[in-house]
C-alpha atoms as a PDB file:
ATOM      1  CA  MET A   1      86.506  88.657  70.710  1.00  0.00           C
ATOM      2  CA  ALA A   2      88.320  86.342  72.170  1.00  0.00           C
ATOM      3  CA  THR A   3      90.536  84.337  70.807  1.00  0.00           C
ATOM      4  CA  GLY A   4      90.058  80.162  70.599  1.00  0.00           C
ATOM      5  CA  VAL A   5      93.475  80.157  73.077  1.00  0.00           C
ATOM      6  CA  ASP A   6      91.680  83.143  75.640  1.00  0.00           C
ATOM      7  CA  ALA A   7      88.218  81.169  75.016  1.00  0.00           C
ATOM      8  CA  LYS A   8      90.098  77.677  76.481  1.00  0.00           C
ATOM      9  CA  LEU A   9      91.310  79.904  79.214  1.00  0.00           C
ATOM     10  CA  LEU A  10      88.449  81.853  80.262  1.00  0.00           C
ATOM     11  CA  LYS A  11      86.757  77.747  80.547  1.00  0.00           C
ATOM     12  CA  SER A  12      89.744  77.035  83.001  1.00  0.00           C
ATOM     13  CA  THR A  13      90.271  79.433  84.655  1.00  0.00           C
ATOM     14  CA  LYS A  14      88.479  79.715  88.000  1.00  0.00           C
ATOM     15  CA  PHE A  15      86.835  83.706  89.271  1.00  0.00           C
ATOM     16  CA  PRO A  16      85.847  84.733  91.941  1.00  0.00           C
ATOM     17  CA  PRO A  17      82.084  85.477  91.837  1.00  0.00           C
ATOM     18  CA  GLU A  18      81.861  88.015  91.845  1.00  0.00           C
ATOM     19  CA  PHE A  19      82.276  88.334  88.622  1.00  0.00           C
ATOM     20  CA  ASN A  20      78.980  86.748  87.196  1.00  0.00           C
ATOM     21  CA  GLN A  21      77.383  90.183  88.599  1.00  0.00           C
ATOM     22  CA  LYS A  22      76.947  92.991  85.612  1.00  0.00           C
ATOM     23  CA  VAL A  23      78.635  96.323  86.363  1.00  0.00           C
ATOM     24  CA  ASP A  24      76.649  98.768  84.478  1.00  0.00           C
ATOM     25  CA  MET A  25      78.850 101.387  83.595  1.00  0.00           C
ATOM     26  CA  GLN A  26      76.184 104.491  83.302  1.00  0.00           C
ATOM     27  CA  LYS A  27      76.678 104.342  86.288  1.00  0.00           C
ATOM     28  CA  VAL A  28      79.938 103.909  87.441  1.00  0.00           C
ATOM     29  CA  ASN A  29      82.334 107.233  87.932  1.00  0.00           C
ATOM     30  CA  VAL A  30      84.658 106.833  85.733  1.00  0.00           C
ATOM     31  CA  GLN A  31      87.031 109.114  86.005  1.00  0.00           C
ATOM     32  CA  VAL A  32      87.357 108.296  89.723  1.00  0.00           C
ATOM     33  CA  MET A  33      88.473 104.850  88.707  1.00  0.00           C
ATOM     34  CA  LYS A  34      90.568 105.490  86.388  1.00  0.00           C
ATOM     35  CA  LYS A  35      92.719 107.593  88.404  1.00  0.00           C
ATOM     36  CA  TRP A  36      92.521 104.558  90.572  1.00  0.00           C
ATOM     37  CA  ILE A  37      93.129 102.058  87.643  1.00  0.00           C
ATOM     38  CA  ALA A  38      96.077 104.496  86.203  1.00  0.00           C
ATOM     39  CA  ASN A  39      97.470 104.350  90.290  1.00  0.00           C
ATOM     40  CA  ARG A  40      97.633 100.857  90.736  1.00  0.00           C
ATOM     41  CA  VAL A  41      98.486 100.086  87.558  1.00  0.00           C
ATOM     42  CA  ILE A  42     101.958 101.867  88.528  1.00  0.00           C
ATOM     43  CA  GLU A  43     101.936 100.776  92.817  1.00  0.00           C
ATOM     44  CA  ILE A  44     102.426  97.479  90.598  1.00  0.00           C
ATOM     45  CA  LEU A  45     104.340  98.318  87.301  1.00  0.00           C
ATOM     46  CA  GLY A  46     106.778  99.788  89.389  1.00  0.00           C
ATOM     47  CA  ASN A  47     105.588 102.367  86.989  1.00  0.00           C
ATOM     48  CA  GLU A  48     103.429 104.477  84.091  1.00  0.00           C
ATOM     49  CA  ASP A  49     102.221 102.310  81.546  1.00  0.00           C
ATOM     50  CA  ASP A  50     100.320 104.769  79.514  1.00  0.00           C
ATOM     51  CA  VAL A  51      99.781 101.766  77.801  1.00  0.00           C
ATOM     52  CA  VAL A  52      98.035  99.038  79.995  1.00  0.00           C
ATOM     53  CA  ILE A  53      96.825 102.122  81.442  1.00  0.00           C
ATOM     54  CA  GLU A  54      95.058 103.603  78.620  1.00  0.00           C
ATOM     55  CA  LEU A  55      94.455  99.010  77.073  1.00  0.00           C
ATOM     56  CA  ILE A  56      92.114  98.952  80.624  1.00  0.00           C
ATOM     57  CA  PHE A  57      89.995 102.179  79.954  1.00  0.00           C
ATOM     58  CA  ASN A  58      89.187 100.576  76.723  1.00  0.00           C
ATOM     59  CA  LEU A  59      88.483  97.278  78.237  1.00  0.00           C
ATOM     60  CA  ILE A  60      85.992  98.790  81.055  1.00  0.00           C
ATOM     61  CA  GLU A  61      85.123 101.627  78.131  1.00  0.00           C
ATOM     62  CA  GLY A  62      84.217  99.351  75.755  1.00  0.00           C
ATOM     63  CA  GLY A  63      80.897  98.810  75.790  1.00  0.00           C
ATOM     64  CA  ARG A  64      78.170  99.700  79.005  1.00  0.00           C
ATOM     65  CA  TYR A  65      78.578  96.336  80.406  1.00  0.00           C
ATOM     66  CA  PRO A  66      81.914  95.526  80.977  1.00  0.00           C
ATOM     67  CA  ASP A  67      83.974  91.717  80.709  1.00  0.00           C
ATOM     68  CA  ILE A  68      85.909  91.058  83.721  1.00  0.00           C
ATOM     69  CA  LYS A  69      86.765  87.420  82.946  1.00  0.00           C
ATOM     70  CA  SER A  70      88.251  88.274  79.482  1.00  0.00           C
ATOM     71  CA  LEU A  71      89.761  91.529  81.261  1.00  0.00           C
ATOM     72  CA  GLN A  72      91.555  89.763  83.674  1.00  0.00           C
ATOM     73  CA  ILE A  73      92.578  87.509  80.765  1.00  0.00           C
ATOM     74  CA  GLN A  74      94.065  89.925  78.537  1.00  0.00           C
ATOM     75  CA  LEU A  75      96.194  91.677  81.255  1.00  0.00           C
ATOM     76  CA  THR A  76      97.450  88.645  82.254  1.00  0.00           C
ATOM     77  CA  GLY A  77     100.017  89.064  79.944  1.00  0.00           C
ATOM     78  CA  PHE A  78     100.952  92.909  81.452  1.00  0.00           C
ATOM     79  CA  LEU A  79      99.834  92.500  85.288  1.00  0.00           C
ATOM     80  CA  ASP A  80     101.420  88.613  85.365  1.00  0.00           C
ATOM     81  CA  LYS A  81     100.168  87.631  88.683  1.00  0.00           C
ATOM     82  CA  ASP A  82      99.305  89.863  90.021  1.00  0.00           C
ATOM     83  CA  THR A  83      96.423  90.460  87.241  1.00  0.00           C
ATOM     84  CA  PRO A  84      93.963  88.374  89.350  1.00  0.00           C
ATOM     85  CA  THR A  85      93.780  90.336  92.668  1.00  0.00           C
ATOM     86  CA  PHE A  86      93.522  93.818  90.733  1.00  0.00           C
ATOM     87  CA  CYS A  87      90.936  92.599  88.160  1.00  0.00           C
ATOM     88  CA  ARG A  88      88.810  90.890  91.701  1.00  0.00           C
ATOM     89  CA  ASP A  89      89.288  94.692  92.673  1.00  0.00           C
ATOM     90  CA  LEU A  90      88.423  96.992  90.331  1.00  0.00           C
ATOM     91  CA  TRP A  91      85.384  94.709  89.854  1.00  0.00           C
ATOM     92  CA  ARG A  92      84.356  95.193  93.653  1.00  0.00           C
ATOM     93  CA  LEU A  93      84.952  98.659  93.343  1.00  0.00           C
ATOM     94  CA  LEU A  94      82.766  98.939  90.493  1.00  0.00           C
ATOM     95  CA  LEU A  95      79.760  97.038  91.593  1.00  0.00           C
ATOM     96  CA  SER A  96      80.280  99.236  94.449  1.00  0.00           C
ATOM     97  CA  ALA A  97      80.844 102.302  91.930  1.00  0.00           C
ATOM     98  CA  GLN A  98      77.500 101.238  90.183  1.00  0.00           C
ATOM     99  CA  ALA A  99      74.799 100.675  94.226  1.00  0.00           C
ATOM    100  CA  SER A 100      76.869 104.108  95.329  1.00  0.00           C
ATOM    101  CA  PRO A 101      74.629 107.889  94.437  1.00  0.00           C
ATOM    102  CA  GLN A 102      77.498 109.352  93.169  1.00  0.00           C
ATOM    103  CA  GLY A 103      79.085 106.503  91.058  1.00  0.00           C
ATOM    104  CA  VAL A 104      82.387 107.090  93.601  1.00  0.00           C
ATOM    105  CA  PRO A 105      82.597 103.128  95.227  1.00  0.00           C
ATOM    106  CA  LYS A 106      82.870 103.782  98.550  1.00  0.00           C
ATOM    107  CA  GLU A 107      85.412 102.495 100.024  1.00  0.00           C
ATOM    108  CA  LEU A 108      87.039 104.858  98.044  1.00  0.00           C
ATOM    109  CA  LEU A 109      84.955 108.242  99.046  1.00  0.00           C
ATOM    110  CA  GLU A 110      85.893 106.682 102.722  1.00  0.00           C
ATOM    111  CA  ALA A 111      89.965 106.321 101.558  1.00  0.00           C
ATOM    112  CA  LYS A 112      89.146 110.117 100.401  1.00  0.00           C
ATOM    113  CA  LYS A 113      87.737 111.053 103.958  1.00  0.00           C
ATOM    114  CA  LEU A 114      90.140 109.871 105.683  1.00  0.00           C
ATOM    115  CA  GLU A 115      92.992 111.112 104.205  1.00  0.00           C
ATOM    116  CA  LEU A 116      91.514 115.087 104.249  1.00  0.00           C
ATOM    117  CA  MET A 117      90.478 114.591 107.803  1.00  0.00           C
ATOM    118  CA  GLN A 118      95.144 113.694 108.105  1.00  0.00           C
ATOM    119  CA  GLU A 119      95.299 116.436 106.306  1.00  0.00           C
ATOM    120  CA  LYS A 120      93.620 119.065 108.629  1.00  0.00           C
ATOM    121  CA  VAL A 121      95.318 116.986 111.724  1.00  0.00           C
ATOM    122  CA  GLY A 122      98.514 117.699 109.802  1.00  0.00           C
ATOM    123  CA  ASN A 123      98.237 121.215 109.518  1.00  0.00           C
ATOM    124  CA  GLY A 124      95.807 121.565 113.006  1.00  0.00           C
END
């Protein structure tokens, strides 16, 4: 799947150590992750880019064990300097999600709890 250029980039790019861990997408709540991905891409690009968002969805859903390194290489043209950070955050959330019984990263559960508590305080 990777072209010659991609293969060179894969060899020359330094990836975080967690990229060596596999993620089993069958253990991940994909809907929750899609929402996070869409929101992050909008945050990075400043607008909703369905093409980029769909590309990421396809790359993480393409197989049971997505390849975060080639995902990062393929996204560089779209997310530019934000690509490594985006991929690292995405991978950490996916690793967290597969370890969670609900398939939801604990970081997102904590953020949701906080959001709900703030709403209660605001409405109280």
